[in-house]
Amino acid sequence: MKIMKREERPLQPVNAEGAVKVSVSKMVTESDGSPTAAMRLFEIEPGGNTPWHTHPWEHVVFGIAGRGTLKSENGDAEFGPGDALLVDPGEQHNFVNVGDEPLKLICVVPLKGDK
């Protein structure tokens, strides 16, 4: 067992092309001993969004604070605190903050998605 403290995992800006006002804290990684999955905490400031992208693994997401829209090639869905989302492998998507406070979400991916 291992406990990773939030204060020991500072937010870092996401510098990927198309990312606007997005930061991430890698809460559980392969270097922590996780054999299959990584967990990240994302914060998206008002007016911000993650890049429009796709990849061959799923996203399992849980909303913590704020209001967001999951935009995808299959349509848009608004979500908020307490909502769980599944983005399918290969589905084009991004997350957009549609509120006036930071959008905070937990994202779990296979280790290959955390590189």
N, C-alpha and C. Protein backbone atom coordinates (compact mmCIF):
# COMPACT_ATOMS: atom_id res chain seq x y z
N MET A 1 0.84 -1.18 0.00
CA MET A 1 0.00 0.00 0.00
C MET A 1 0.88 1.24 0.00
N LYS A 2 0.38 2.25 -0.65
CA LYS A 2 1.09 3.52 -0.70
C LYS A 2 0.07 4.65 -0.76
N ILE A 3 0.34 5.74 -0.06
CA ILE A 3 -0.53 6.91 -0.08
C ILE A 3 0.24 8.06 -0.68
N MET A 4 -0.34 8.67 -1.71
CA MET A 4 0.26 9.82 -2.36
C MET A 4 -0.51 11.07 -1.90
N LYS A 5 0.18 12.02 -1.32
CA LYS A 5 -0.45 13.22 -0.79
C LYS A 5 -0.59 14.27 -1.89
N ARG A 6 -1.77 14.88 -1.96
CA ARG A 6 -2.05 15.89 -2.98
C ARG A 6 -1.02 17.02 -2.94
N GLU A 7 -0.66 17.47 -1.74
CA GLU A 7 0.27 18.58 -1.62
C GLU A 7 1.68 18.22 -2.09
N GLU A 8 1.97 16.94 -2.22
CA GLU A 8 3.28 16.50 -2.71
C GLU A 8 3.30 16.31 -4.23
N ARG A 9 2.16 16.52 -4.87
CA ARG A 9 2.03 16.35 -6.32
C ARG A 9 1.52 17.66 -6.92
N PRO A 10 2.39 18.65 -7.09
CA PRO A 10 1.92 19.96 -7.57
C PRO A 10 1.37 19.90 -8.99
N LEU A 11 0.44 20.82 -9.25
CA LEU A 11 -0.09 20.96 -10.60
C LEU A 11 1.00 21.49 -11.52
N GLN A 12 1.03 20.95 -12.74
CA GLN A 12 1.97 21.38 -13.77
C GLN A 12 1.16 21.80 -15.00
N PRO A 13 1.56 22.86 -15.68
CA PRO A 13 0.84 23.25 -16.88
C PRO A 13 0.90 22.16 -17.95
N VAL A 14 -0.20 21.99 -18.67
CA VAL A 14 -0.24 21.09 -19.82
C VAL A 14 0.16 21.93 -21.03
N ASN A 15 1.27 21.57 -21.65
CA ASN A 15 1.79 22.37 -22.76
C ASN A 15 1.50 21.77 -24.13
N ALA A 16 0.61 20.80 -24.19
CA ALA A 16 0.26 20.17 -25.47
C ALA A 16 -0.44 21.19 -26.37
N GLU A 17 -0.20 21.08 -27.67
CA GLU A 17 -0.84 21.96 -28.63
C GLU A 17 -2.35 21.87 -28.48
N GLY A 18 -3.01 23.00 -28.36
CA GLY A 18 -4.46 23.03 -28.21
C GLY A 18 -4.94 23.10 -26.77
N ALA A 19 -4.05 22.87 -25.81
CA ALA A 19 -4.43 22.98 -24.39
C ALA A 19 -4.47 24.45 -24.01
N VAL A 20 -5.56 24.86 -23.36
CA VAL A 20 -5.74 26.24 -22.93
C VAL A 20 -6.10 26.24 -21.45
N LYS A 21 -5.25 26.86 -20.63
CA LYS A 21 -5.51 27.01 -19.19
C LYS A 21 -5.75 25.66 -18.50
N VAL A 22 -4.90 24.66 -18.80
CA VAL A 22 -5.04 23.32 -18.22
C VAL A 22 -3.79 22.98 -17.43
N SER A 23 -4.00 22.41 -16.24
CA SER A 23 -2.90 21.91 -15.41
C SER A 23 -3.23 20.48 -14.99
N VAL A 24 -2.18 19.72 -14.69
CA VAL A 24 -2.36 18.33 -14.28
C VAL A 24 -1.43 18.00 -13.13
N SER A 25 -1.91 17.17 -12.23
CA SER A 25 -1.11 16.60 -11.16
C SER A 25 -1.18 15.09 -11.31
N LYS A 26 -0.03 14.46 -11.50
CA LYS A 26 0.00 13.00 -11.66
C LYS A 26 -0.01 12.37 -10.27
N MET A 27 -1.18 11.91 -9.87
CA MET A 27 -1.38 11.42 -8.50
C MET A 27 -0.90 10.00 -8.29
N VAL A 28 -1.11 9.12 -9.26
CA VAL A 28 -0.64 7.73 -9.19
C VAL A 28 -0.01 7.39 -10.53
N THR A 29 1.23 6.92 -10.50
CA THR A 29 1.96 6.62 -11.72
C THR A 29 2.64 5.26 -11.62
N GLU A 30 3.24 4.87 -12.71
CA GLU A 30 4.01 3.62 -12.72
C GLU A 30 5.14 3.69 -11.70
N SER A 31 5.76 4.85 -11.54
CA SER A 31 6.87 4.97 -10.59
C SER A 31 6.41 4.84 -9.13
N ASP A 32 5.10 4.95 -8.90
CA ASP A 32 4.56 4.70 -7.56
C ASP A 32 4.32 3.21 -7.31
N GLY A 33 4.51 2.41 -8.35
CA GLY A 33 4.31 0.97 -8.23
C GLY A 33 3.00 0.48 -8.82
N SER A 34 2.23 1.37 -9.45
CA SER A 34 0.98 0.94 -10.06
C SER A 34 1.27 0.05 -11.25
N PRO A 35 0.72 -1.16 -11.29
CA PRO A 35 1.05 -2.09 -12.38
C PRO A 35 0.27 -1.87 -13.67
N THR A 36 -0.90 -1.20 -13.61
CA THR A 36 -1.72 -1.12 -14.83
C THR A 36 -2.32 0.24 -15.13
N ALA A 37 -2.55 1.09 -14.12
CA ALA A 37 -3.30 2.33 -14.35
C ALA A 37 -2.62 3.53 -13.73
N ALA A 38 -2.91 4.69 -14.31
CA ALA A 38 -2.43 5.97 -13.79
C ALA A 38 -3.65 6.83 -13.47
N MET A 39 -3.53 7.65 -12.43
CA MET A 39 -4.60 8.56 -12.05
C MET A 39 -4.05 9.97 -12.03
N ARG A 40 -4.75 10.86 -12.75
CA ARG A 40 -4.32 12.25 -12.82
C ARG A 40 -5.45 13.16 -12.35
N LEU A 41 -5.09 14.26 -11.71
CA LEU A 41 -6.03 15.31 -11.35
C LEU A 41 -5.82 16.46 -12.33
N PHE A 42 -6.87 16.80 -13.08
CA PHE A 42 -6.82 17.92 -14.01
C PHE A 42 -7.57 19.10 -13.43
N GLU A 43 -7.03 20.30 -13.66
CA GLU A 43 -7.74 21.53 -13.36
C GLU A 43 -7.74 22.37 -14.63
N ILE A 44 -8.93 22.77 -15.04
CA ILE A 44 -9.11 23.59 -16.24
C ILE A 44 -9.75 24.90 -15.79
N GLU A 45 -9.07 25.99 -16.03
CA GLU A 45 -9.57 27.30 -15.61
C GLU A 45 -10.74 27.72 -16.50
N PRO A 46 -11.58 28.67 -16.00
CA PRO A 46 -12.67 29.16 -16.83
C PRO A 46 -12.16 29.62 -18.20
N GLY A 47 -12.88 29.21 -19.24
CA GLY A 47 -12.48 29.53 -20.61
C GLY A 47 -11.44 28.59 -21.17
N GLY A 48 -11.02 27.61 -20.40
CA GLY A 48 -9.98 26.67 -20.84
C GLY A 48 -10.53 25.37 -21.38
N ASN A 49 -9.63 24.60 -22.00
CA ASN A 49 -10.01 23.29 -22.55
C ASN A 49 -8.77 22.43 -22.75
N THR A 50 -8.99 21.13 -22.77
CA THR A 50 -7.93 20.20 -23.16
C THR A 50 -7.88 20.17 -24.69
N PRO A 51 -6.81 19.64 -25.26
CA PRO A 51 -6.73 19.56 -26.73
C PRO A 51 -7.80 18.61 -27.29
N TRP A 52 -8.20 18.85 -28.52
CA TRP A 52 -9.03 17.92 -29.27
C TRP A 52 -8.11 16.77 -29.67
N HIS A 53 -8.41 15.55 -29.24
CA HIS A 53 -7.46 14.46 -29.46
C HIS A 53 -8.15 13.10 -29.41
N THR A 54 -7.39 12.10 -29.77
CA THR A 54 -7.84 10.72 -29.69
C THR A 54 -6.64 9.84 -29.34
N HIS A 55 -6.92 8.65 -28.84
CA HIS A 55 -5.87 7.68 -28.49
C HIS A 55 -6.52 6.31 -28.36
N PRO A 56 -5.73 5.25 -28.38
CA PRO A 56 -6.29 3.91 -28.39
C PRO A 56 -6.66 3.34 -27.02
N TRP A 57 -6.79 4.18 -26.00
CA TRP A 57 -7.21 3.71 -24.68
C TRP A 57 -8.38 4.55 -24.20
N GLU A 58 -9.09 4.02 -23.22
CA GLU A 58 -10.22 4.72 -22.63
C GLU A 58 -9.77 5.75 -21.60
N HIS A 59 -10.64 6.73 -21.36
CA HIS A 59 -10.53 7.63 -20.21
C HIS A 59 -11.67 7.26 -19.27
N VAL A 60 -11.38 7.08 -18.01
CA VAL A 60 -12.40 6.96 -16.98
C VAL A 60 -12.28 8.24 -16.15
N VAL A 61 -13.33 9.04 -16.11
CA VAL A 61 -13.26 10.39 -15.55
C VAL A 61 -14.32 10.56 -14.47
N PHE A 62 -13.96 11.34 -13.42
CA PHE A 62 -14.90 11.66 -12.35
C PHE A 62 -14.82 13.16 -12.07
N GLY A 63 -15.95 13.85 -12.18
CA GLY A 63 -15.99 15.28 -11.92
C GLY A 63 -15.95 15.58 -10.43
N ILE A 64 -15.09 16.54 -10.05
CA ILE A 64 -14.94 16.91 -8.64
C ILE A 64 -15.52 18.30 -8.35
N ALA A 65 -15.26 19.26 -9.23
CA ALA A 65 -15.72 20.63 -9.01
C ALA A 65 -15.88 21.32 -10.35
N GLY A 66 -16.78 22.31 -10.39
CA GLY A 66 -16.98 23.09 -11.60
C GLY A 66 -17.96 22.43 -12.56
N ARG A 67 -18.12 23.07 -13.72
CA ARG A 67 -19.02 22.57 -14.77
C ARG A 67 -18.22 22.43 -16.05
N GLY A 68 -18.42 21.31 -16.72
CA GLY A 68 -17.69 21.07 -17.96
C GLY A 68 -18.57 20.49 -19.03
N THR A 69 -18.02 20.50 -20.23
CA THR A 69 -18.63 19.80 -21.35
C THR A 69 -17.60 18.84 -21.91
N LEU A 70 -17.99 17.59 -22.03
CA LEU A 70 -17.20 16.60 -22.76
C LEU A 70 -17.66 16.70 -24.19
N LYS A 71 -16.79 17.20 -25.06
CA LYS A 71 -17.10 17.29 -26.48
C LYS A 71 -16.51 16.07 -27.16
N SER A 72 -17.28 15.46 -28.03
CA SER A 72 -16.79 14.28 -28.72
C SER A 72 -17.38 14.21 -30.11
N GLU A 73 -16.79 13.37 -30.92
CA GLU A 73 -17.31 13.16 -32.26
C GLU A 73 -18.72 12.58 -32.21
N ASN A 74 -19.13 12.08 -31.05
CA ASN A 74 -20.46 11.50 -30.88
C ASN A 74 -21.45 12.45 -30.23
N GLY A 75 -21.05 13.73 -30.04
CA GLY A 75 -21.92 14.71 -29.43
C GLY A 75 -21.29 15.33 -28.19
N ASP A 76 -22.00 16.24 -27.56
CA ASP A 76 -21.52 16.94 -26.37
C ASP A 76 -22.36 16.53 -25.17
N ALA A 77 -21.72 16.49 -23.99
CA ALA A 77 -22.43 16.17 -22.76
C ALA A 77 -21.89 17.03 -21.64
N GLU A 78 -22.79 17.75 -20.96
CA GLU A 78 -22.37 18.55 -19.80
C GLU A 78 -22.25 17.64 -18.59
N PHE A 79 -21.32 18.01 -17.70
CA PHE A 79 -21.12 17.22 -16.48
C PHE A 79 -20.66 18.13 -15.36
N GLY A 80 -20.74 17.60 -14.16
CA GLY A 80 -20.33 18.36 -12.98
C GLY A 80 -19.88 17.44 -11.87
N PRO A 81 -19.76 17.97 -10.67
CA PRO A 81 -19.29 17.18 -9.53
C PRO A 81 -20.17 15.95 -9.31
N GLY A 82 -19.52 14.82 -9.12
CA GLY A 82 -20.23 13.57 -8.87
C GLY A 82 -20.58 12.78 -10.11
N ASP A 83 -20.32 13.34 -11.29
CA ASP A 83 -20.61 12.62 -12.53
C ASP A 83 -19.39 11.81 -12.97
N ALA A 84 -19.64 10.59 -13.43
CA ALA A 84 -18.60 9.73 -13.99
C ALA A 84 -18.78 9.68 -15.49
N LEU A 85 -17.65 9.67 -16.22
CA LEU A 85 -17.69 9.66 -17.68
C LEU A 85 -16.76 8.57 -18.19
N LEU A 86 -17.13 8.00 -19.31
CA LEU A 86 -16.27 7.04 -20.00
C LEU A 86 -16.09 7.51 -21.43
N VAL A 87 -14.85 7.76 -21.82
CA VAL A 87 -14.51 8.10 -23.20
C VAL A 87 -13.93 6.84 -23.81
N ASP A 88 -14.56 6.36 -24.87
CA ASP A 88 -14.13 5.11 -25.50
C ASP A 88 -12.79 5.23 -26.21
N PRO A 89 -12.06 4.13 -26.32
CA PRO A 89 -10.83 4.14 -27.12
C PRO A 89 -11.13 4.60 -28.54
N GLY A 90 -10.27 5.46 -29.07
CA GLY A 90 -10.41 5.93 -30.45
C GLY A 90 -11.43 7.03 -30.65
N GLU A 91 -12.12 7.47 -29.60
CA GLU A 91 -13.13 8.53 -29.72
C GLU A 91 -12.48 9.91 -29.64
N GLN A 92 -12.62 10.73 -30.68
CA GLN A 92 -12.12 12.10 -30.66
C GLN A 92 -12.87 12.87 -29.57
N HIS A 93 -12.13 13.65 -28.76
CA HIS A 93 -12.79 14.33 -27.65
C HIS A 93 -11.92 15.45 -27.07
N ASN A 94 -12.55 16.27 -26.24
CA ASN A 94 -11.85 17.19 -25.35
C ASN A 94 -12.78 17.59 -24.22
N PHE A 95 -12.21 18.19 -23.19
CA PHE A 95 -12.96 18.67 -22.03
C PHE A 95 -12.88 20.19 -22.01
N VAL A 96 -14.02 20.84 -21.82
CA VAL A 96 -14.10 22.29 -21.85
C VAL A 96 -14.73 22.78 -20.55
N ASN A 97 -14.12 23.78 -19.92
CA ASN A 97 -14.71 24.41 -18.74
C ASN A 97 -15.78 25.39 -19.24
N VAL A 98 -17.04 25.16 -18.84
CA VAL A 98 -18.13 26.04 -19.27
C VAL A 98 -18.66 26.87 -18.10
N GLY A 99 -17.96 26.84 -16.97
CA GLY A 99 -18.40 27.59 -15.80
C GLY A 99 -17.49 28.76 -15.48
N ASP A 100 -17.69 29.32 -14.30
CA ASP A 100 -16.90 30.47 -13.88
C ASP A 100 -15.96 30.16 -12.72
N GLU A 101 -15.76 28.88 -12.46
CA GLU A 101 -14.78 28.42 -11.47
C GLU A 101 -13.96 27.30 -12.08
N PRO A 102 -12.83 26.94 -11.48
CA PRO A 102 -12.03 25.86 -12.06
C PRO A 102 -12.82 24.56 -12.17
N LEU A 103 -12.65 23.88 -13.28
CA LEU A 103 -13.19 22.55 -13.51
C LEU A 103 -12.13 21.57 -13.03
N LYS A 104 -12.47 20.72 -12.07
CA LYS A 104 -11.53 19.74 -11.54
C LYS A 104 -12.08 18.36 -11.81
N LEU A 105 -11.22 17.50 -12.38
CA LEU A 105 -11.65 16.14 -12.66
C LEU A 105 -10.50 15.17 -12.46
N ILE A 106 -10.88 13.97 -12.06
CA ILE A 106 -9.94 12.85 -11.94
C ILE A 106 -10.04 12.05 -13.23
N CYS A 107 -8.89 11.68 -13.79
CA CYS A 107 -8.85 10.90 -15.02
C CYS A 107 -7.96 9.68 -14.79
N VAL A 108 -8.52 8.50 -15.04
CA VAL A 108 -7.77 7.25 -14.89
C VAL A 108 -7.57 6.65 -16.29
N VAL A 109 -6.34 6.31 -16.59
CA VAL A 109 -5.98 5.73 -17.89
C VAL A 109 -5.02 4.56 -17.67
N PRO A 110 -4.89 3.68 -18.67
CA PRO A 110 -3.84 2.67 -18.59
C PRO A 110 -2.48 3.36 -18.57
N LEU A 111 -1.48 2.71 -18.03
CA LEU A 111 -0.15 3.30 -17.92
C LEU A 111 0.36 3.83 -19.26
N LYS A 112 0.05 3.14 -20.36
CA LYS A 112 0.53 3.61 -21.67
C LYS A 112 -0.06 4.98 -22.03
N GLY A 113 -1.16 5.38 -21.38
CA GLY A 113 -1.78 6.67 -21.62
C GLY A 113 -1.22 7.78 -20.76
N ASP A 114 -0.24 7.46 -19.92
CA ASP A 114 0.31 8.45 -18.99
C ASP A 114 1.73 8.82 -19.36
N LYS A 115 2.11 8.62 -20.59
CA LYS A 115 3.49 8.93 -21.02
C LYS A 115 3.61 10.36 -21.47
